Amino acid sequence: MQEIAIRVRLREPDRLGLAEYERIVGAVASVAAVVAWLPTPDARLVLRGRGAEPVRLETMSYGSVFEMLVVMDQRSPAVEQAASAVAALVETVRQDHVEDPAAGTAAALDRLDQAAPRGRSQPERALRTFLEGARADALARRSTTRLRAAQALVRLAGAGAELVVERVEDALATEVEGQTVEARTETGASVVVAPDDTADPEPSNGAEQFGTTDPDEQDSTKKDSTKKDSKKKKKDSTKKKDSKKKKKKDSTKKKDSKKKKKKDSTKKKDSTKQ
């Protein structure tokens, strides 16, 4: 499994002095420690010393760009998700000048809290709780590890840092090659609403033909069919009666015809006798 790394990129118009360099390196190391801690927020947050030291740390500069790579001794997907959440948060606020000395640390943390990812995963919920707690510490003027870690996050966001999450194949190789992790998170500035895949699809024409119609429609169809059958039977019965009447009428006509013939025959006989 590949180690998780965070690549931090800063664009500085002027060459960094030693004090500013140390300040940025310390801030990146603190943020990396927070990322490793977010999946287990019940544990003690440690920024320096055993358990918080990265596997590898590299710094480089080219032109006006200062870049720093921190390879953590972490491989779990939860830590990767925490790193992606922190990177998305910094990306959301890095152009907003959150580090305002006039507004104070509490106001900057409030801005970060508003822009924090709104997902329901453990690392994202822990990040929001972490920022809320740090803001409470700032308002109460308590110097805590949580507040110092949150201030490091504010410092990177205020400096316009760009955070990229990567997976490193071999952290001890001469040249480290990282593969960028593509992750989409929901932030307070832009919330992505996923389509509802649980909705029942509309029945196809084939399904409707095989008895998936509404029961009321089925009852209505049955009633119509029954009415048609009843009308048909009644019509057939009427036809039979008419046929019987016609036969009876024809029979009566035949009898009348015989009587007439017999009467004519009798008349003829009487005429002969005379």
Protein backbone atom coordinates (compact mmCIF):
# COMPACT_ATOMS: atom_id res chain seq x y z
CA MET A 1 0.00 0.00 0.00
CA GLN A 2 1.34 3.45 -0.90
CA GLU A 3 2.09 6.11 1.72
CA ILE A 4 -0.02 9.26 1.76
CA ALA A 5 1.77 12.52 1.01
CA ILE A 6 0.79 16.17 1.01
CA ARG A 7 2.45 18.50 -1.47
CA VAL A 8 2.25 22.18 -0.48
CA ARG A 9 2.92 24.81 -3.13
CA LEU A 10 3.39 28.52 -2.39
CA ARG A 11 4.00 31.35 -4.83
CA GLU A 12 6.18 33.98 -3.21
CA PRO A 13 7.18 37.07 -5.21
CA ASP A 14 10.20 37.63 -2.95
CA ARG A 15 12.80 35.13 -1.81
CA LEU A 16 11.89 33.51 1.52
CA GLY A 17 13.95 34.50 4.54
CA LEU A 18 15.04 31.94 7.12
CA ALA A 19 12.37 32.96 9.67
CA GLU A 20 9.55 32.77 7.10
CA TYR A 21 10.88 29.45 5.82
CA GLU A 22 10.86 27.93 9.30
CA ARG A 23 7.38 29.34 9.90
CA ILE A 24 5.96 27.68 6.77
CA VAL A 25 7.73 24.37 7.37
CA GLY A 26 6.36 24.26 10.93
CA ALA A 27 2.85 25.07 9.71
CA VAL A 28 2.94 22.30 7.08
CA ALA A 29 4.20 19.76 9.63
CA SER A 30 1.41 20.74 12.06
CA VAL A 31 -1.27 20.41 9.37
CA ALA A 32 0.09 16.98 8.40
CA ALA A 33 -0.17 15.91 12.07
CA VAL A 34 -3.81 17.11 12.16
CA VAL A 35 -4.58 15.13 8.99
CA ALA A 36 -3.22 11.94 10.55
CA TRP A 37 -5.21 12.58 13.75
CA LEU A 38 -8.65 13.41 12.21
CA PRO A 39 -9.76 9.77 11.63
CA THR A 40 -9.28 9.07 15.38
CA PRO A 41 -10.36 12.31 17.14
CA ASP A 42 -10.64 10.59 20.54
CA ALA A 43 -6.88 10.11 20.58
CA ARG A 44 -4.47 12.78 21.83
CA LEU A 45 -3.40 15.34 19.23
CA VAL A 46 0.41 15.46 19.01
CA LEU A 47 2.14 17.99 16.74
CA ARG A 48 5.76 17.15 17.48
CA GLY A 49 7.65 14.06 18.54
CA ARG A 50 6.88 10.36 18.25
CA GLY A 51 3.89 9.53 16.14
CA ALA A 52 3.78 12.95 14.48
CA GLU A 53 7.05 12.88 12.55
CA PRO A 54 6.70 12.35 8.78
CA VAL A 55 8.52 9.59 6.93
CA ARG A 56 10.06 12.08 4.53
CA LEU A 57 10.09 15.85 4.16
CA GLU A 58 11.45 17.66 1.13
CA THR A 59 11.59 21.34 0.23
CA MET A 60 12.44 22.89 -3.11
CA SER A 61 12.11 26.21 -4.84
CA TYR A 62 12.12 27.22 -8.49
CA GLY A 63 11.63 30.81 -9.51
CA SER A 64 8.94 32.32 -7.29
CA VAL A 65 7.48 28.94 -6.33
CA PHE A 66 8.27 27.29 -3.01
CA GLU A 67 7.23 23.63 -2.76
CA MET A 68 7.25 21.22 0.16
CA LEU A 69 6.47 17.48 0.17
CA VAL A 70 5.49 15.72 3.40
CA VAL A 71 5.24 11.93 3.24
CA MET A 72 3.33 10.59 6.23
CA ASP A 73 3.58 7.17 7.80
CA GLN A 74 -0.08 6.63 6.92
CA ARG A 75 -1.77 4.42 4.33
CA SER A 76 -5.45 4.16 5.35
CA PRO A 77 -8.25 5.52 3.12
CA ALA A 78 -9.60 7.48 6.13
CA VAL A 79 -6.37 9.50 6.36
CA GLU A 80 -6.47 10.06 2.61
CA GLN A 81 -10.03 11.37 2.95
CA ALA A 82 -8.95 13.65 5.82
CA ALA A 83 -6.11 15.03 3.69
CA SER A 84 -8.52 15.66 0.80
CA ALA A 85 -10.93 17.47 3.15
CA VAL A 86 -8.18 19.76 4.48
CA ALA A 87 -6.90 20.42 0.95
CA ALA A 88 -10.41 21.33 -0.23
CA LEU A 89 -10.88 23.65 2.76
CA VAL A 90 -7.62 25.50 2.08
CA GLU A 91 -8.47 25.74 -1.61
CA THR A 92 -11.85 27.31 -0.77
CA VAL A 93 -10.47 30.09 1.43
CA ARG A 94 -6.93 30.66 0.17
CA GLN A 95 -7.96 33.69 -1.90
CA ASP A 96 -10.09 35.23 0.87
CA HIS A 97 -7.28 36.55 3.10
CA VAL A 98 -8.58 34.71 6.18
CA GLU A 99 -5.45 35.62 8.18
CA ASP A 100 -6.46 39.16 9.16
CA PRO A 101 -4.61 40.54 12.21
CA ALA A 102 -7.33 43.12 12.75
CA ALA A 103 -10.12 40.52 12.83
CA GLY A 104 -8.22 38.12 15.07
CA THR A 105 -7.75 34.35 15.16
CA ALA A 106 -11.35 33.61 16.21
CA ALA A 107 -12.75 35.37 13.13
CA ALA A 108 -10.34 33.49 10.85
CA LEU A 109 -11.33 30.16 12.42
CA ASP A 110 -15.00 31.09 12.05
CA ARG A 111 -14.40 31.63 8.33
CA LEU A 112 -12.69 28.25 8.06
CA ASP A 113 -15.53 26.59 9.94
CA GLN A 114 -18.10 28.04 7.52
CA ALA A 115 -16.10 26.76 4.52
CA ALA A 116 -15.37 23.31 6.01
CA PRO A 117 -16.55 20.21 4.10
CA ARG A 118 -20.15 19.24 4.92
CA GLY A 119 -19.80 15.51 4.30
CA ARG A 120 -20.85 12.86 6.81
CA SER A 121 -17.64 10.86 6.93
CA GLN A 122 -15.72 10.59 10.20
CA PRO A 123 -12.73 12.74 9.07
CA GLU A 124 -14.98 15.52 7.72
CA ARG A 125 -17.14 15.63 10.85
CA ALA A 126 -13.98 15.58 12.99
CA LEU A 127 -12.54 18.51 11.01
CA ARG A 128 -15.63 20.64 11.70
CA THR A 129 -15.55 19.72 15.41
CA PHE A 130 -11.82 20.52 15.51
CA LEU A 131 -12.36 24.00 14.04
CA GLU A 132 -15.30 24.74 16.37
CA GLY A 133 -13.24 23.70 19.39
CA ALA A 134 -10.23 25.77 18.30
CA ARG A 135 -12.49 28.81 17.84
CA ALA A 136 -13.87 28.31 21.36
CA ASP A 137 -10.30 28.12 22.68
CA ALA A 138 -9.42 31.38 20.89
CA LEU A 139 -12.47 33.17 22.31
CA ALA A 140 -11.63 31.88 25.80
CA ARG A 141 -7.96 32.88 25.32
CA ARG A 142 -6.78 29.34 26.08
CA SER A 143 -3.44 28.25 24.63
CA THR A 144 -4.05 24.66 23.53
CA THR A 145 -2.50 22.22 21.07
CA ARG A 146 -5.75 22.32 19.12
CA LEU A 147 -5.56 26.11 18.78
CA ARG A 148 -1.91 26.03 17.68
CA ALA A 149 -2.74 23.41 15.03
CA ALA A 150 -5.69 25.45 13.80
CA GLN A 151 -3.49 28.56 13.61
CA ALA A 152 -1.09 26.61 11.36
CA LEU A 153 -4.03 25.85 9.05
CA VAL A 154 -4.99 29.54 9.04
CA ARG A 155 -1.39 30.46 8.24
CA LEU A 156 -1.29 28.22 5.15
CA ALA A 157 -4.68 29.46 3.96
CA GLY A 158 -3.63 33.08 4.50
CA ALA A 159 -0.42 32.53 2.54
CA GLY A 160 -2.44 31.26 -0.46
CA ALA A 161 -0.98 27.75 -0.24
CA GLU A 162 -2.12 25.03 -2.65
CA LEU A 163 -2.39 21.54 -1.12
CA VAL A 164 -2.29 18.41 -3.28
CA VAL A 165 -2.84 14.91 -1.89
CA GLU A 166 -0.67 12.17 -3.40
CA ARG A 167 0.17 8.50 -2.99
CA VAL A 168 3.89 7.68 -2.91
CA GLU A 169 5.11 4.28 -4.07
CA ASP A 170 8.44 4.31 -2.22
CA ALA A 171 9.11 7.01 0.38
CA LEU A 172 12.79 5.98 0.68
CA ALA A 173 13.59 6.15 -3.03
CA THR A 174 16.20 8.63 -4.29
CA GLU A 175 13.55 10.48 -6.25
CA VAL A 176 10.04 10.40 -4.88
CA GLU A 177 7.30 9.99 -7.46
CA GLY A 178 3.77 10.73 -6.30
CA GLN A 179 0.43 9.99 -7.92
CA THR A 180 -2.22 12.66 -7.37
CA VAL A 181 -5.37 11.52 -5.56
CA GLU A 182 -8.55 12.75 -7.18
CA ALA A 183 -11.15 13.50 -4.51
CA ARG A 184 -14.36 15.58 -4.51
CA THR A 185 -15.64 16.91 -1.22
CA GLU A 186 -18.57 19.11 -0.23
CA THR A 187 -17.54 22.49 1.15
CA GLY A 188 -19.52 25.28 2.71
CA ALA A 189 -18.90 27.41 -0.39
CA SER A 190 -20.07 24.83 -2.92
CA VAL A 191 -22.21 21.85 -2.08
CA VAL A 192 -22.60 19.13 -4.70
CA VAL A 193 -25.99 17.43 -4.58
CA ALA A 194 -25.92 13.89 -5.92
CA PRO A 195 -28.86 12.60 -7.89
CA ASP A 196 -31.22 10.24 -6.12
CA ASP A 197 -30.47 6.73 -7.46
CA THR A 198 -32.99 5.07 -5.15
CA ALA A 199 -36.07 6.26 -7.09
CA ASP A 200 -38.05 3.45 -8.74
CA PRO A 201 -37.73 3.52 -12.52
CA GLU A 202 -40.86 3.98 -14.60
CA PRO A 203 -42.26 0.67 -15.85
CA SER A 204 -41.54 -0.13 -19.46
CA ASN A 205 -44.19 -0.93 -22.05
CA GLY A 206 -43.33 -4.60 -21.72
CA ALA A 207 -43.94 -4.51 -17.98
CA GLU A 208 -47.30 -2.87 -18.48
CA GLN A 209 -48.34 -5.62 -20.86
CA PHE A 210 -47.60 -8.30 -18.28
CA GLY A 211 -49.95 -7.15 -15.54
CA THR A 212 -48.26 -4.22 -13.82
CA THR A 213 -51.24 -1.91 -14.36
CA ASP A 214 -53.17 -0.21 -11.60
CA PRO A 215 -55.63 -2.53 -9.69
CA ASP A 216 -58.42 0.07 -10.14
CA GLU A 217 -57.88 -0.03 -13.88
CA GLN A 218 -58.03 -3.84 -13.77
CA ASP A 219 -61.37 -3.74 -11.87
CA SER A 220 -62.73 -1.20 -14.34
CA THR A 221 -61.68 -3.42 -17.25
CA LYS A 222 -63.36 -6.45 -15.65
CA LYS A 223 -66.59 -4.51 -15.11
CA ASP A 224 -66.61 -3.32 -18.73
CA SER A 225 -66.01 -6.87 -19.92
CA THR A 226 -68.88 -8.17 -17.74
CA LYS A 227 -71.22 -5.50 -19.10
CA LYS A 228 -70.30 -6.39 -22.67
CA ASP A 229 -70.91 -10.11 -22.02
CA SER A 230 -74.31 -9.34 -20.43
CA LYS A 231 -75.35 -7.16 -23.37
CA LYS A 232 -74.22 -9.83 -25.82
CA LYS A 233 -76.23 -12.54 -24.03
CA LYS A 234 -79.30 -10.32 -23.92
CA LYS A 235 -78.93 -9.59 -27.63
CA ASP A 236 -78.59 -13.30 -28.46
CA SER A 237 -81.68 -14.08 -26.35
CA THR A 238 -83.66 -11.38 -28.20
CA LYS A 239 -82.56 -12.80 -31.54
CA LYS A 240 -83.73 -16.29 -30.51
CA LYS A 241 -87.14 -14.96 -29.46
CA ASP A 242 -87.49 -13.06 -32.73
CA SER A 243 -86.55 -16.21 -34.62
CA LYS A 244 -89.22 -18.22 -32.77
CA LYS A 245 -91.83 -15.54 -33.47
CA LYS A 246 -90.89 -15.55 -37.14
CA LYS A 247 -91.18 -19.34 -37.34
CA LYS A 248 -94.57 -19.23 -35.59
CA LYS A 249 -95.73 -16.51 -38.02
CA ASP A 250 -94.56 -18.55 -40.99
CA SER A 251 -96.39 -21.60 -39.61
CA THR A 252 -99.59 -19.53 -39.23
CA LYS A 253 -99.25 -18.30 -42.81
CA LYS A 254 -98.91 -21.88 -44.05
CA LYS A 255 -102.06 -22.92 -42.17
CA ASP A 256 -103.98 -19.96 -43.58
CA SER A 257 -102.76 -20.88 -47.04
CA LYS A 258 -103.98 -24.50 -46.64
CA LYS A 259 -107.35 -23.29 -45.39
CA LYS A 260 -107.64 -20.98 -48.38
CA LYS A 261 -106.77 -23.78 -50.80
CA LYS A 262 -109.31 -26.07 -49.12
CA LYS A 263 -112.00 -23.35 -49.36
CA ASP A 264 -111.24 -22.77 -53.04
CA SER A 265 -111.50 -26.53 -53.68
CA THR A 266 -114.91 -26.69 -51.97
CA LYS A 267 -116.16 -23.77 -54.10
CA LYS A 268 -115.11 -25.56 -57.27
CA LYS A 269 -116.99 -28.73 -56.28
CA ASP A 270 -120.16 -26.80 -55.54
CA SER A 271 -119.94 -25.13 -58.94
CA THR A 272 -119.62 -28.49 -60.73
CA LYS A 273 -122.70 -29.93 -59.02
CA GLN A 274 -124.81 -27.10 -60.21
